[in-house]
Amino acid sequence: VGRMQADLSSLLNRYCNDNWNGYDEAPISATSWNFANEFVKDLPTWVSQADVSVDADGEVSLEWYRSKTEYLELVFGASGCVHLFMQTKSAKYSDLFKENIRAKLMSLIAEFENV
């Protein structure tokens, strides 16, 4: 959790301007960043380290990989919703969560982490 929070903090400095990579990308969304940071700071210790990134539209993503074909991605929307994309050997799943987000996402993360 500490490393994910540090990675999130570094995103603010790195992606705070328009056109951060020369292709007219939006700066990081403060709302998306705050939403992701609140989610990360209360994660249980069994959750493994996620890759933290900013999408071209400024939204923050957390990504976990087991292999090239098995992954879990959470995209924290600026509107307070979370887009989830998950693929495992036995399932492919995508959904948009607008309410009761934490409980629903924690059960899917536990499923992905085999907890």
Protein backbone atom coordinates (compact mmCIF):
# COMPACT_ATOMS: atom_id res chain seq x y z
CA VAL A 1 0.00 0.00 0.00
CA GLY A 2 2.82 2.40 0.86
CA ARG A 3 4.48 1.90 -2.49
CA MET A 4 1.21 2.37 -4.38
CA GLN A 5 0.61 5.62 -2.47
CA ALA A 6 4.14 6.78 -3.32
CA ASP A 7 3.52 5.90 -6.98
CA LEU A 8 0.27 7.87 -6.90
CA SER A 9 2.05 10.88 -5.41
CA SER A 10 4.66 10.86 -8.16
CA LEU A 11 1.88 10.89 -10.78
CA LEU A 12 0.67 14.29 -9.57
CA ASN A 13 4.01 15.93 -10.36
CA ARG A 14 4.65 14.06 -13.58
CA TYR A 15 1.25 14.41 -15.26
CA CYS A 16 -0.07 17.73 -13.94
CA ASN A 17 0.21 19.65 -17.23
CA ASP A 18 -1.68 19.53 -20.52
CA ASN A 19 0.13 17.74 -23.34
CA TRP A 20 2.44 15.90 -20.93
CA ASN A 21 3.81 13.62 -23.65
CA GLY A 22 3.37 15.76 -26.77
CA TYR A 23 0.13 14.11 -27.93
CA ASP A 24 -2.41 16.50 -26.33
CA GLU A 25 -3.16 14.27 -23.35
CA ALA A 26 -5.18 15.76 -20.52
CA PRO A 27 -3.49 16.48 -17.20
CA ILE A 28 -4.18 14.10 -14.35
CA SER A 29 -7.69 14.53 -12.96
CA ALA A 30 -7.51 15.66 -9.32
CA THR A 31 -10.87 13.99 -8.66
CA SER A 32 -9.71 10.69 -10.15
CA TRP A 33 -6.42 10.90 -8.24
CA ASN A 34 -8.16 11.62 -4.92
CA PHE A 35 -10.61 8.77 -5.51
CA ALA A 36 -7.77 6.31 -6.29
CA ASN A 37 -5.70 7.52 -3.34
CA GLU A 38 -8.60 7.06 -0.90
CA PHE A 39 -9.17 3.56 -2.26
CA VAL A 40 -5.49 2.58 -2.01
CA LYS A 41 -4.82 3.91 1.48
CA ASP A 42 -7.30 1.50 3.06
CA LEU A 43 -6.40 -1.65 1.12
CA PRO A 44 -5.82 -4.79 3.20
CA THR A 45 -2.29 -6.15 3.48
CA TRP A 46 -3.09 -9.21 1.33
CA VAL A 47 -3.55 -7.04 -1.78
CA SER A 48 -0.44 -7.21 -3.94
CA GLN A 49 1.35 -4.23 -5.47
CA ALA A 50 -0.44 -2.77 -8.51
CA ASP A 51 1.06 -0.82 -11.37
CA VAL A 52 -0.18 2.76 -11.11
CA SER A 53 -0.64 4.88 -14.23
CA VAL A 54 -2.49 7.79 -15.82
CA ASP A 55 -4.63 7.26 -18.91
CA ALA A 56 -4.63 9.71 -21.82
CA ASP A 57 -7.85 11.29 -20.48
CA GLY A 58 -6.24 12.00 -17.08
CA GLU A 59 -7.89 9.16 -15.16
CA VAL A 60 -5.86 7.03 -12.75
CA SER A 61 -5.55 3.27 -13.26
CA LEU A 62 -4.40 0.45 -11.01
CA GLU A 63 -3.33 -2.72 -12.81
CA TRP A 64 -2.46 -6.18 -11.50
CA TYR A 65 -0.99 -8.88 -13.77
CA ARG A 66 -0.59 -12.63 -13.25
CA SER A 67 0.53 -13.18 -16.84
CA LYS A 68 0.15 -11.52 -20.24
CA THR A 69 -3.40 -12.84 -20.48
CA GLU A 70 -4.54 -12.58 -16.85
CA TYR A 71 -5.04 -9.13 -15.41
CA LEU A 72 -7.23 -6.86 -13.31
CA GLU A 73 -7.52 -3.16 -14.07
CA LEU A 74 -9.39 -0.48 -12.14
CA VAL A 75 -9.87 2.91 -13.78
CA PHE A 76 -10.96 5.64 -11.37
CA GLY A 77 -13.24 8.00 -13.23
CA ALA A 78 -13.37 11.71 -12.51
CA SER A 79 -17.12 11.32 -11.88
CA GLY A 80 -16.60 8.95 -8.94
CA CYS A 81 -17.23 5.71 -10.77
CA VAL A 82 -14.79 2.83 -11.31
CA HIS A 83 -14.40 0.87 -14.54
CA LEU A 84 -13.22 -2.67 -13.89
CA PHE A 85 -11.65 -4.97 -16.45
CA MET A 86 -10.63 -8.48 -15.37
CA GLN A 87 -9.52 -11.50 -17.33
CA THR A 88 -8.46 -14.84 -15.87
CA LYS A 89 -8.16 -18.32 -17.31
CA SER A 90 -11.77 -19.00 -16.37
CA ALA A 91 -13.49 -15.62 -16.86
CA LYS A 92 -13.54 -12.30 -18.64
CA TYR A 93 -15.36 -9.52 -16.85
CA SER A 94 -15.90 -5.79 -17.24
CA ASP A 95 -18.26 -3.53 -15.37
CA LEU A 96 -18.87 0.03 -14.27
CA PHE A 97 -19.38 0.60 -10.54
CA LYS A 98 -21.16 3.71 -9.30
CA GLU A 99 -22.20 2.78 -5.75
CA ASN A 100 -21.12 0.35 -3.04
CA ILE A 101 -17.83 0.44 -4.90
CA ARG A 102 -15.40 -0.66 -2.20
CA ALA A 103 -17.21 -3.84 -1.16
CA LYS A 104 -17.78 -4.96 -4.74
CA LEU A 105 -14.22 -4.24 -5.83
CA MET A 106 -12.66 -5.91 -2.80
CA SER A 107 -14.49 -9.15 -3.54
CA LEU A 108 -13.28 -9.08 -7.15
CA ILE A 109 -9.71 -8.26 -6.09
CA ALA A 110 -9.87 -11.17 -3.63
CA GLU A 111 -11.09 -13.44 -6.42
CA PHE A 112 -8.24 -12.30 -8.68
CA GLU A 113 -5.67 -12.66 -5.88
CA ASN A 114 -7.09 -16.11 -5.00
CA VAL A 115 -7.69 -15.08 -1.40
